[in-house]
N, C-alpha and C. Protein backbone atom coordinates (compact mmCIF):
# COMPACT_ATOMS: atom_id res chain seq x y z
N UNK A 1 224.49 280.78 40.48
CA UNK A 1 223.08 280.50 40.36
C UNK A 1 222.39 280.54 41.73
N UNK A 2 223.12 280.15 42.75
CA UNK A 2 222.54 280.19 44.09
C UNK A 2 222.12 281.61 44.45
N UNK A 3 222.96 282.58 44.11
CA UNK A 3 222.65 283.98 44.41
C UNK A 3 221.40 284.43 43.65
N UNK A 4 221.25 283.99 42.41
CA UNK A 4 220.07 284.35 41.62
C UNK A 4 218.82 283.73 42.23
N UNK A 5 218.93 282.50 42.67
CA UNK A 5 217.77 281.80 43.25
C UNK A 5 217.36 282.35 44.61
N UNK A 6 218.32 282.86 45.39
CA UNK A 6 218.01 283.25 46.77
C UNK A 6 218.28 284.71 47.08
N UNK A 7 218.93 285.44 46.20
CA UNK A 7 219.35 286.81 46.49
C UNK A 7 218.26 287.85 46.34
N UNK A 8 218.69 289.08 46.35
CA UNK A 8 217.80 290.24 46.30
C UNK A 8 216.88 290.22 45.08
N UNK A 9 217.40 289.77 43.95
CA UNK A 9 216.64 289.83 42.70
C UNK A 9 215.97 288.51 42.32
N UNK A 10 215.77 287.64 43.30
CA UNK A 10 215.18 286.33 43.00
C UNK A 10 213.80 286.41 42.38
N UNK A 11 213.08 287.49 42.63
CA UNK A 11 211.72 287.61 42.08
C UNK A 11 211.73 287.96 40.59
N UNK A 12 212.88 288.29 40.03
CA UNK A 12 212.96 288.60 38.60
C UNK A 12 212.85 287.36 37.72
N UNK A 13 213.18 286.21 38.27
CA UNK A 13 213.22 284.98 37.49
C UNK A 13 212.31 283.92 38.10
N UNK A 14 211.52 283.27 37.27
CA UNK A 14 210.69 282.16 37.75
C UNK A 14 211.62 280.97 37.96
N UNK A 15 211.54 280.30 39.09
CA UNK A 15 212.45 279.19 39.38
C UNK A 15 212.46 278.08 38.32
N UNK A 16 211.32 277.84 37.67
CA UNK A 16 211.27 276.80 36.64
C UNK A 16 212.07 277.15 35.40
N UNK A 17 212.39 278.43 35.22
CA UNK A 17 213.11 278.86 34.03
C UNK A 17 214.61 278.94 34.23
N UNK A 18 215.08 278.65 35.43
CA UNK A 18 216.52 278.62 35.70
C UNK A 18 217.03 277.21 35.46
N UNK A 19 217.92 277.06 34.49
CA UNK A 19 218.42 275.75 34.10
C UNK A 19 219.87 275.63 34.53
N UNK A 20 220.18 274.60 35.28
CA UNK A 20 221.55 274.35 35.69
C UNK A 20 221.90 272.90 35.42
N UNK A 21 223.18 272.66 35.20
CA UNK A 21 223.66 271.31 34.98
C UNK A 21 224.51 270.85 36.15
N UNK A 22 225.03 269.64 36.03
CA UNK A 22 225.85 269.08 37.10
C UNK A 22 227.30 269.52 37.01
N UNK A 23 227.73 269.94 35.84
CA UNK A 23 229.12 270.37 35.67
C UNK A 23 229.17 271.50 34.67
N UNK A 24 230.30 272.23 34.70
CA UNK A 24 230.44 273.32 33.75
C UNK A 24 231.26 272.85 32.55
N UNK A 25 231.46 273.73 31.61
CA UNK A 25 232.17 273.38 30.39
C UNK A 25 233.67 273.60 30.50
N UNK A 26 234.16 273.96 31.68
CA UNK A 26 235.59 274.08 31.96
C UNK A 26 236.31 275.03 31.01
N UNK A 27 235.67 276.15 30.70
CA UNK A 27 236.28 277.15 29.80
C UNK A 27 236.69 276.57 28.46
N UNK A 28 235.95 275.59 27.99
CA UNK A 28 236.31 274.89 26.76
C UNK A 28 235.13 274.94 25.79
N UNK A 29 235.32 275.61 24.65
CA UNK A 29 234.27 275.76 23.65
C UNK A 29 233.70 274.39 23.24
N UNK A 30 234.58 273.44 22.95
CA UNK A 30 234.13 272.13 22.46
C UNK A 30 233.25 271.42 23.49
N UNK A 31 233.59 271.52 24.78
CA UNK A 31 232.74 270.91 25.82
C UNK A 31 231.39 271.61 25.88
N UNK A 32 231.39 272.93 25.76
CA UNK A 32 230.14 273.67 25.81
C UNK A 32 229.24 273.39 24.62
N UNK A 33 229.84 273.14 23.47
CA UNK A 33 229.06 272.94 22.25
C UNK A 33 228.72 271.47 22.03
N UNK A 34 229.71 270.59 22.17
CA UNK A 34 229.52 269.20 21.77
C UNK A 34 229.23 268.22 22.90
N UNK A 35 229.72 268.48 24.10
CA UNK A 35 229.58 267.50 25.18
C UNK A 35 228.50 267.92 26.18
N UNK A 36 228.83 268.89 27.01
CA UNK A 36 227.89 269.36 28.03
C UNK A 36 226.66 269.97 27.36
N UNK A 37 226.89 270.71 26.29
CA UNK A 37 225.79 271.36 25.58
C UNK A 37 224.77 270.37 25.04
N UNK A 38 225.25 269.27 24.48
CA UNK A 38 224.35 268.25 23.93
C UNK A 38 223.47 267.63 25.01
N UNK A 39 223.97 267.61 26.24
CA UNK A 39 223.20 267.02 27.34
C UNK A 39 222.05 267.92 27.79
N UNK A 40 222.17 269.21 27.60
CA UNK A 40 221.18 270.14 28.17
C UNK A 40 220.40 270.93 27.12
N UNK A 41 220.77 270.80 25.85
CA UNK A 41 220.12 271.62 24.81
C UNK A 41 218.64 271.28 24.66
N UNK A 42 218.28 270.01 24.74
CA UNK A 42 216.86 269.65 24.56
C UNK A 42 215.99 270.20 25.69
N UNK A 43 216.49 270.14 26.92
CA UNK A 43 215.77 270.72 28.05
C UNK A 43 215.62 272.23 27.86
N UNK A 44 216.69 272.87 27.43
CA UNK A 44 216.66 274.31 27.21
C UNK A 44 215.65 274.68 26.14
N UNK A 45 215.67 273.98 25.02
CA UNK A 45 214.74 274.27 23.93
C UNK A 45 213.29 273.96 24.32
N UNK A 46 213.10 272.95 25.15
CA UNK A 46 211.75 272.65 25.63
C UNK A 46 211.21 273.79 26.48
N UNK A 47 212.05 274.33 27.35
CA UNK A 47 211.63 275.47 28.18
C UNK A 47 211.33 276.68 27.30
N UNK A 48 212.16 276.92 26.30
CA UNK A 48 211.93 278.04 25.38
C UNK A 48 210.63 277.83 24.61
N UNK A 49 210.40 276.60 24.15
CA UNK A 49 209.17 276.29 23.41
C UNK A 49 207.94 276.56 24.27
N UNK A 50 207.98 276.11 25.53
CA UNK A 50 206.82 276.33 26.41
C UNK A 50 206.57 277.81 26.66
N UNK A 51 207.63 278.58 26.82
CA UNK A 51 207.46 280.02 27.00
C UNK A 51 206.92 280.68 25.73
N UNK A 52 207.44 280.26 24.58
CA UNK A 52 207.01 280.88 23.32
C UNK A 52 205.56 280.53 22.98
N UNK A 53 205.08 279.37 23.43
CA UNK A 53 203.69 279.00 23.19
C UNK A 53 202.72 279.92 23.93
N UNK A 54 203.19 280.55 24.99
CA UNK A 54 202.36 281.49 25.75
C UNK A 54 202.33 282.88 25.13
N UNK A 55 203.12 283.09 24.09
CA UNK A 55 203.17 284.40 23.43
C UNK A 55 202.09 284.47 22.35
N UNK A 56 201.43 285.61 22.23
CA UNK A 56 200.43 285.77 21.17
C UNK A 56 201.08 286.18 19.86
N UNK A 57 202.24 286.78 19.92
CA UNK A 57 202.92 287.21 18.70
C UNK A 57 204.42 287.25 18.90
N UNK A 58 205.04 286.08 19.00
CA UNK A 58 206.48 286.00 19.24
C UNK A 58 207.23 286.71 18.12
N UNK A 59 208.05 287.68 18.50
CA UNK A 59 208.84 288.43 17.52
C UNK A 59 210.25 287.88 17.37
N UNK A 60 210.80 287.36 18.45
CA UNK A 60 212.17 286.85 18.38
C UNK A 60 212.77 286.65 19.76
N UNK A 61 214.10 286.62 19.78
CA UNK A 61 214.82 286.28 21.00
C UNK A 61 215.95 287.27 21.24
N UNK A 62 216.18 287.60 22.50
CA UNK A 62 217.34 288.37 22.93
C UNK A 62 218.22 287.42 23.71
N UNK A 63 219.44 287.23 23.26
CA UNK A 63 220.35 286.28 23.90
C UNK A 63 221.56 287.03 24.44
N UNK A 64 221.75 287.01 25.73
CA UNK A 64 222.90 287.65 26.38
C UNK A 64 223.86 286.54 26.79
N UNK A 65 225.13 286.70 26.43
CA UNK A 65 226.12 285.67 26.79
C UNK A 65 227.52 286.25 26.81
N UNK A 66 228.43 285.49 27.38
CA UNK A 66 229.83 285.87 27.44
C UNK A 66 230.60 285.14 26.34
N UNK A 67 231.63 285.79 25.82
CA UNK A 67 232.53 285.10 24.89
C UNK A 67 233.47 284.18 25.64
N UNK A 68 233.68 284.45 26.91
CA UNK A 68 234.59 283.64 27.71
C UNK A 68 233.92 282.36 28.18
N UNK A 69 234.71 281.35 28.37
CA UNK A 69 234.21 280.09 28.90
C UNK A 69 233.53 279.23 27.86
N UNK A 70 233.33 277.99 28.20
CA UNK A 70 232.72 277.06 27.27
C UNK A 70 231.22 277.19 27.17
N UNK A 71 230.57 277.58 28.26
CA UNK A 71 229.12 277.75 28.22
C UNK A 71 228.76 279.00 27.44
N UNK A 72 229.43 280.09 27.74
CA UNK A 72 229.13 281.35 27.06
C UNK A 72 229.39 281.31 25.57
N UNK A 73 230.44 280.64 25.17
CA UNK A 73 230.77 280.60 23.75
C UNK A 73 230.23 279.34 23.08
N UNK A 74 230.56 278.18 23.60
CA UNK A 74 230.19 276.92 22.96
C UNK A 74 228.71 276.60 23.02
N UNK A 75 228.13 276.66 24.21
CA UNK A 75 226.71 276.34 24.33
C UNK A 75 225.85 277.38 23.62
N UNK A 76 226.24 278.65 23.71
CA UNK A 76 225.44 279.68 23.05
C UNK A 76 225.43 279.49 21.54
N UNK A 77 226.56 279.10 20.96
CA UNK A 77 226.56 278.87 19.51
C UNK A 77 225.65 277.70 19.15
N UNK A 78 225.65 276.66 19.96
CA UNK A 78 224.73 275.53 19.75
C UNK A 78 223.29 275.99 19.88
N UNK A 79 223.00 276.78 20.89
CA UNK A 79 221.64 277.29 21.09
C UNK A 79 221.20 278.14 19.91
N UNK A 80 222.05 279.01 19.42
CA UNK A 80 221.69 279.86 18.28
C UNK A 80 221.42 279.02 17.03
N UNK A 81 222.22 277.98 16.82
CA UNK A 81 221.99 277.08 15.68
C UNK A 81 220.61 276.44 15.78
N UNK A 82 220.30 275.92 16.95
CA UNK A 82 219.02 275.23 17.14
C UNK A 82 217.83 276.18 17.09
N UNK A 83 218.00 277.40 17.61
CA UNK A 83 216.93 278.39 17.50
C UNK A 83 216.65 278.71 16.04
N UNK A 84 217.70 278.78 15.23
CA UNK A 84 217.52 279.05 13.80
C UNK A 84 216.74 277.93 13.12
N UNK A 85 217.03 276.69 13.51
CA UNK A 85 216.32 275.54 12.94
C UNK A 85 214.86 275.54 13.39
N UNK A 86 214.64 275.73 14.69
CA UNK A 86 213.29 275.61 15.25
C UNK A 86 212.40 276.82 15.00
N UNK A 87 213.00 278.01 14.90
CA UNK A 87 212.19 279.22 14.80
C UNK A 87 212.46 280.02 13.53
N UNK A 88 213.20 279.45 12.61
CA UNK A 88 213.39 280.04 11.29
C UNK A 88 213.74 281.51 11.28
N UNK A 89 212.84 282.31 10.71
CA UNK A 89 213.12 283.72 10.47
C UNK A 89 212.80 284.64 11.64
N UNK A 90 212.45 284.09 12.78
CA UNK A 90 212.25 284.95 13.96
C UNK A 90 213.57 285.64 14.28
N UNK A 91 213.48 286.88 14.74
CA UNK A 91 214.69 287.64 15.06
C UNK A 91 215.44 286.98 16.21
N UNK A 92 216.77 286.97 16.09
CA UNK A 92 217.64 286.46 17.14
C UNK A 92 218.75 287.48 17.33
N UNK A 93 218.65 288.26 18.40
CA UNK A 93 219.64 289.30 18.67
C UNK A 93 220.57 288.82 19.77
N UNK A 94 221.87 288.86 19.47
CA UNK A 94 222.88 288.42 20.42
C UNK A 94 223.58 289.61 21.04
N UNK A 95 223.70 289.60 22.33
CA UNK A 95 224.45 290.62 23.06
C UNK A 95 225.60 289.90 23.75
N UNK A 96 226.81 290.13 23.26
CA UNK A 96 227.98 289.40 23.74
C UNK A 96 228.82 290.27 24.67
N UNK A 97 229.28 289.67 25.74
CA UNK A 97 230.14 290.34 26.70
C UNK A 97 231.53 289.73 26.56
N UNK A 98 232.51 290.58 26.36
CA UNK A 98 233.88 290.11 26.23
C UNK A 98 234.58 290.24 27.57
N UNK A 99 235.22 289.18 28.07
CA UNK A 99 235.86 289.26 29.38
C UNK A 99 237.03 290.24 29.38
N UNK A 100 237.19 290.95 30.47
CA UNK A 100 238.28 291.91 30.61
C UNK A 100 239.03 291.63 31.91
N UNK A 101 240.32 291.97 31.95
CA UNK A 101 241.10 291.71 33.16
C UNK A 101 240.66 292.54 34.37
N UNK A 102 240.02 293.69 34.12
CA UNK A 102 239.55 294.52 35.23
C UNK A 102 238.30 295.27 34.81
N UNK A 103 237.52 295.67 35.78
CA UNK A 103 236.32 296.45 35.53
C UNK A 103 236.68 297.91 35.75
N UNK A 104 236.33 298.75 34.79
CA UNK A 104 236.66 300.17 34.90
C UNK A 104 235.64 300.92 35.71
């Protein structure tokens, strides 16, 4: 996250929209979904709500995440559940990245 905040592409993201926690999910789905995820989901949904209120015709969401780790798998599944509850039939497109031992 430090690289995103200070690196070459820092102007791509508004600093208020970068959400970080105090700890990671330790590559554990259950921590990402039930423990760490529960602590940060309301803040995340509040930021999403504020952004969506600025849209004149919200069509849906594009969600990019990794299958690896607790945040990529566990927290994302929690987020998708809550987006379905809060935004009903709005489109929710998931783009999943599967971890590989090497980059080709």
